N, C-alpha and C. Protein backbone atom coordinates (compact mmCIF):
# COMPACT_ATOMS: atom_id res chain seq x y z
N MET A 1 -4.15 11.76 -7.61
CA MET A 1 -3.97 11.04 -6.38
C MET A 1 -3.66 11.99 -5.22
N TRP A 2 -2.85 13.02 -5.47
CA TRP A 2 -2.48 13.93 -4.39
C TRP A 2 -3.70 14.67 -3.86
N LYS A 3 -4.65 14.98 -4.73
CA LYS A 3 -5.87 15.65 -4.27
C LYS A 3 -6.66 14.72 -3.35
N ALA A 4 -6.71 13.45 -3.69
CA ALA A 4 -7.43 12.48 -2.85
C ALA A 4 -6.75 12.36 -1.48
N LEU A 5 -5.41 12.32 -1.47
CA LEU A 5 -4.69 12.23 -0.21
C LEU A 5 -4.92 13.47 0.65
N ASP A 6 -4.95 14.64 0.02
CA ASP A 6 -5.20 15.88 0.76
C ASP A 6 -6.63 15.95 1.30
N TYR A 7 -7.56 15.33 0.60
CA TYR A 7 -8.97 15.38 0.98
C TYR A 7 -9.28 14.55 2.22
N LEU A 8 -8.48 13.50 2.46
CA LEU A 8 -8.74 12.58 3.56
C LEU A 8 -8.63 13.28 4.91
N ARG A 9 -9.53 12.92 5.82
CA ARG A 9 -9.55 13.49 7.16
C ARG A 9 -9.44 12.38 8.20
N GLU A 10 -9.13 12.76 9.41
CA GLU A 10 -9.01 11.80 10.50
C GLU A 10 -10.26 10.93 10.58
N GLY A 11 -10.05 9.63 10.67
CA GLY A 11 -11.16 8.69 10.72
C GLY A 11 -11.51 8.10 9.36
N ASP A 12 -11.04 8.71 8.27
CA ASP A 12 -11.26 8.18 6.92
C ASP A 12 -10.34 7.00 6.67
N THR A 13 -10.64 6.23 5.63
CA THR A 13 -9.78 5.14 5.18
C THR A 13 -9.62 5.24 3.67
N LEU A 14 -8.37 5.26 3.23
CA LEU A 14 -8.08 5.23 1.79
C LEU A 14 -8.06 3.78 1.35
N VAL A 15 -8.90 3.44 0.36
CA VAL A 15 -8.97 2.08 -0.17
C VAL A 15 -8.49 2.11 -1.61
N VAL A 16 -7.50 1.24 -1.91
CA VAL A 16 -6.98 1.13 -3.28
C VAL A 16 -7.12 -0.31 -3.74
N PRO A 17 -7.27 -0.53 -5.05
CA PRO A 17 -7.39 -1.90 -5.54
C PRO A 17 -6.09 -2.70 -5.35
N SER A 18 -4.94 -2.04 -5.50
CA SER A 18 -3.66 -2.71 -5.28
C SER A 18 -2.59 -1.66 -4.98
N LEU A 19 -1.49 -2.10 -4.39
CA LEU A 19 -0.43 -1.18 -3.98
C LEU A 19 0.13 -0.36 -5.13
N ASP A 20 0.20 -0.96 -6.31
CA ASP A 20 0.80 -0.22 -7.43
C ASP A 20 -0.04 0.98 -7.86
N ARG A 21 -1.27 1.06 -7.40
CA ARG A 21 -2.11 2.23 -7.70
C ARG A 21 -1.75 3.41 -6.80
N LEU A 22 -1.04 3.14 -5.70
CA LEU A 22 -0.67 4.18 -4.77
C LEU A 22 0.76 4.68 -5.00
N GLY A 23 1.65 3.78 -5.37
CA GLY A 23 3.04 4.18 -5.58
C GLY A 23 3.84 3.08 -6.23
N ARG A 24 4.95 3.45 -6.82
CA ARG A 24 5.79 2.50 -7.54
C ARG A 24 6.96 1.97 -6.72
N PHE A 25 7.39 2.74 -5.72
CA PHE A 25 8.58 2.38 -4.96
C PHE A 25 8.20 2.09 -3.51
N ILE A 26 8.85 1.09 -2.93
CA ILE A 26 8.55 0.67 -1.57
C ILE A 26 8.65 1.84 -0.60
N GLN A 27 9.73 2.61 -0.70
CA GLN A 27 9.92 3.71 0.25
C GLN A 27 8.81 4.75 0.12
N ASP A 28 8.30 4.95 -1.09
CA ASP A 28 7.18 5.89 -1.28
C ASP A 28 5.90 5.36 -0.64
N LEU A 29 5.62 4.06 -0.85
CA LEU A 29 4.43 3.46 -0.26
C LEU A 29 4.45 3.57 1.26
N ILE A 30 5.59 3.23 1.85
CA ILE A 30 5.71 3.27 3.30
C ILE A 30 5.58 4.70 3.80
N ALA A 31 6.18 5.66 3.10
CA ALA A 31 6.09 7.06 3.51
C ALA A 31 4.65 7.57 3.42
N ILE A 32 3.95 7.23 2.34
CA ILE A 32 2.56 7.69 2.17
C ILE A 32 1.68 7.11 3.26
N VAL A 33 1.79 5.80 3.49
CA VAL A 33 0.93 5.16 4.49
C VAL A 33 1.30 5.63 5.90
N SER A 34 2.58 5.86 6.15
CA SER A 34 2.99 6.40 7.46
C SER A 34 2.41 7.79 7.65
N GLY A 35 2.43 8.60 6.61
CA GLY A 35 1.84 9.93 6.68
C GLY A 35 0.35 9.88 6.95
N LEU A 36 -0.33 8.93 6.32
CA LEU A 36 -1.76 8.76 6.56
C LEU A 36 -2.01 8.37 8.01
N ARG A 37 -1.20 7.46 8.50
CA ARG A 37 -1.37 6.99 9.88
C ARG A 37 -1.19 8.14 10.87
N LYS A 38 -0.19 8.99 10.63
CA LYS A 38 0.04 10.14 11.52
C LYS A 38 -1.15 11.09 11.53
N ARG A 39 -1.87 11.12 10.41
CA ARG A 39 -3.05 11.99 10.30
C ARG A 39 -4.32 11.30 10.81
N GLY A 40 -4.20 10.04 11.23
CA GLY A 40 -5.37 9.30 11.72
C GLY A 40 -6.21 8.72 10.61
N VAL A 41 -5.59 8.52 9.43
CA VAL A 41 -6.28 7.98 8.27
C VAL A 41 -5.84 6.53 8.06
N GLY A 42 -6.79 5.63 7.88
CA GLY A 42 -6.49 4.23 7.63
C GLY A 42 -6.15 3.98 6.17
N PHE A 43 -5.62 2.79 5.90
CA PHE A 43 -5.27 2.42 4.53
C PHE A 43 -5.62 0.95 4.32
N THR A 44 -6.25 0.67 3.17
CA THR A 44 -6.60 -0.69 2.81
C THR A 44 -6.24 -0.91 1.34
N SER A 45 -5.54 -2.02 1.09
CA SER A 45 -5.26 -2.46 -0.28
C SER A 45 -5.98 -3.78 -0.48
N LEU A 46 -6.91 -3.81 -1.42
CA LEU A 46 -7.76 -4.98 -1.60
C LEU A 46 -6.99 -6.19 -2.13
N HIS A 47 -6.15 -6.01 -3.13
CA HIS A 47 -5.44 -7.14 -3.75
C HIS A 47 -4.47 -7.81 -2.77
N GLU A 48 -3.73 -7.01 -2.03
CA GLU A 48 -2.74 -7.55 -1.11
C GLU A 48 -3.32 -7.86 0.27
N VAL A 49 -4.60 -7.57 0.46
CA VAL A 49 -5.31 -7.79 1.72
C VAL A 49 -4.56 -7.12 2.88
N LEU A 50 -4.29 -5.84 2.72
CA LEU A 50 -3.64 -5.04 3.75
C LEU A 50 -4.67 -4.08 4.34
N ASP A 51 -4.70 -3.97 5.66
CA ASP A 51 -5.65 -3.08 6.31
C ASP A 51 -4.99 -2.50 7.56
N THR A 52 -4.59 -1.23 7.48
CA THR A 52 -3.91 -0.62 8.62
C THR A 52 -4.88 -0.09 9.67
N THR A 53 -6.17 -0.34 9.50
CA THR A 53 -7.12 0.09 10.51
C THR A 53 -7.21 -0.91 11.66
N THR A 54 -6.52 -2.05 11.53
CA THR A 54 -6.49 -3.05 12.59
C THR A 54 -5.08 -3.11 13.18
N PRO A 55 -4.97 -3.49 14.45
CA PRO A 55 -3.63 -3.61 15.05
C PRO A 55 -2.73 -4.58 14.29
N GLY A 56 -3.27 -5.70 13.86
CA GLY A 56 -2.48 -6.66 13.10
C GLY A 56 -2.02 -6.11 11.76
N GLY A 57 -2.88 -5.35 11.12
CA GLY A 57 -2.53 -4.74 9.83
C GLY A 57 -1.42 -3.72 9.98
N ARG A 58 -1.47 -2.93 11.05
CA ARG A 58 -0.40 -1.95 11.29
C ARG A 58 0.92 -2.64 11.58
N LEU A 59 0.86 -3.78 12.25
CA LEU A 59 2.07 -4.51 12.61
C LEU A 59 2.75 -5.10 11.38
N VAL A 60 1.97 -5.68 10.47
CA VAL A 60 2.58 -6.40 9.34
C VAL A 60 2.72 -5.56 8.09
N PHE A 61 2.21 -4.33 8.08
CA PHE A 61 2.22 -3.54 6.85
C PHE A 61 3.58 -3.47 6.16
N PRO A 62 4.66 -3.02 6.83
CA PRO A 62 5.94 -2.90 6.10
C PRO A 62 6.43 -4.23 5.54
N HIS A 63 6.20 -5.32 6.28
CA HIS A 63 6.67 -6.64 5.82
C HIS A 63 5.85 -7.12 4.63
N ARG A 64 4.54 -6.90 4.67
CA ARG A 64 3.68 -7.32 3.56
C ARG A 64 3.97 -6.52 2.31
N VAL A 65 4.31 -5.25 2.45
CA VAL A 65 4.65 -4.42 1.29
C VAL A 65 5.88 -4.99 0.60
N HIS A 66 6.92 -5.27 1.37
CA HIS A 66 8.14 -5.84 0.79
C HIS A 66 7.84 -7.17 0.11
N SER A 67 7.06 -8.01 0.75
CA SER A 67 6.71 -9.31 0.20
C SER A 67 5.89 -9.18 -1.09
N SER A 68 4.90 -8.30 -1.08
CA SER A 68 4.04 -8.11 -2.25
C SER A 68 4.82 -7.57 -3.44
N VAL A 69 5.67 -6.59 -3.19
CA VAL A 69 6.46 -6.01 -4.27
C VAL A 69 7.43 -7.05 -4.83
N GLY A 70 8.02 -7.86 -3.96
CA GLY A 70 8.92 -8.92 -4.43
C GLY A 70 8.20 -9.93 -5.30
N THR A 71 6.98 -10.28 -4.92
CA THR A 71 6.19 -11.23 -5.71
C THR A 71 5.86 -10.65 -7.08
N VAL A 72 5.45 -9.39 -7.12
CA VAL A 72 5.12 -8.74 -8.39
C VAL A 72 6.34 -8.69 -9.29
N MET A 73 7.49 -8.34 -8.72
CA MET A 73 8.71 -8.26 -9.52
C MET A 73 9.08 -9.63 -10.07
N SER A 74 8.90 -10.68 -9.29
CA SER A 74 9.20 -12.04 -9.77
C SER A 74 8.27 -12.42 -10.92
N CYS A 75 6.99 -12.10 -10.76
CA CYS A 75 6.03 -12.41 -11.84
C CYS A 75 6.36 -11.63 -13.11
N ASP A 76 6.74 -10.38 -12.97
CA ASP A 76 7.12 -9.58 -14.15
C ASP A 76 8.33 -10.18 -14.83
N ALA A 77 9.30 -10.62 -14.05
CA ALA A 77 10.51 -11.23 -14.64
C ALA A 77 10.17 -12.50 -15.39
N ILE A 78 9.27 -13.31 -14.84
CA ILE A 78 8.86 -14.55 -15.50
C ILE A 78 8.14 -14.23 -16.80
N LEU A 79 7.23 -13.26 -16.77
CA LEU A 79 6.51 -12.89 -17.98
C LEU A 79 7.45 -12.38 -19.07
N ARG A 80 8.48 -11.63 -18.69
CA ARG A 80 9.45 -11.14 -19.68
C ARG A 80 10.21 -12.30 -20.31
N CYS A 81 10.49 -13.33 -19.54
CA CYS A 81 11.22 -14.48 -20.08
C CYS A 81 10.35 -15.30 -21.02
N ILE A 82 9.07 -15.36 -20.71
CA ILE A 82 8.15 -16.18 -21.52
C ILE A 82 7.87 -15.49 -22.86
N THR A 83 7.73 -14.18 -22.84
CA THR A 83 7.35 -13.48 -24.08
C THR A 83 8.52 -13.05 -24.90
């Protein structure tokens, strides 16, 4: 993953299938995407429908990350109780 992040150039967009493919912790996700933004690189997560290449996507990114991670954690907790 680090090689892919280093390869990205201004104007590129990193596309991931879901946030958990980029990082495990909220602070890491926000730091990585903030670093990409500073370099002029966009970010898109297909599962969570996040796209920082749009003004709206940049505005809601931190809030959607917290919401998405909370939902995943709730689903994991439910699955642990069922099994």
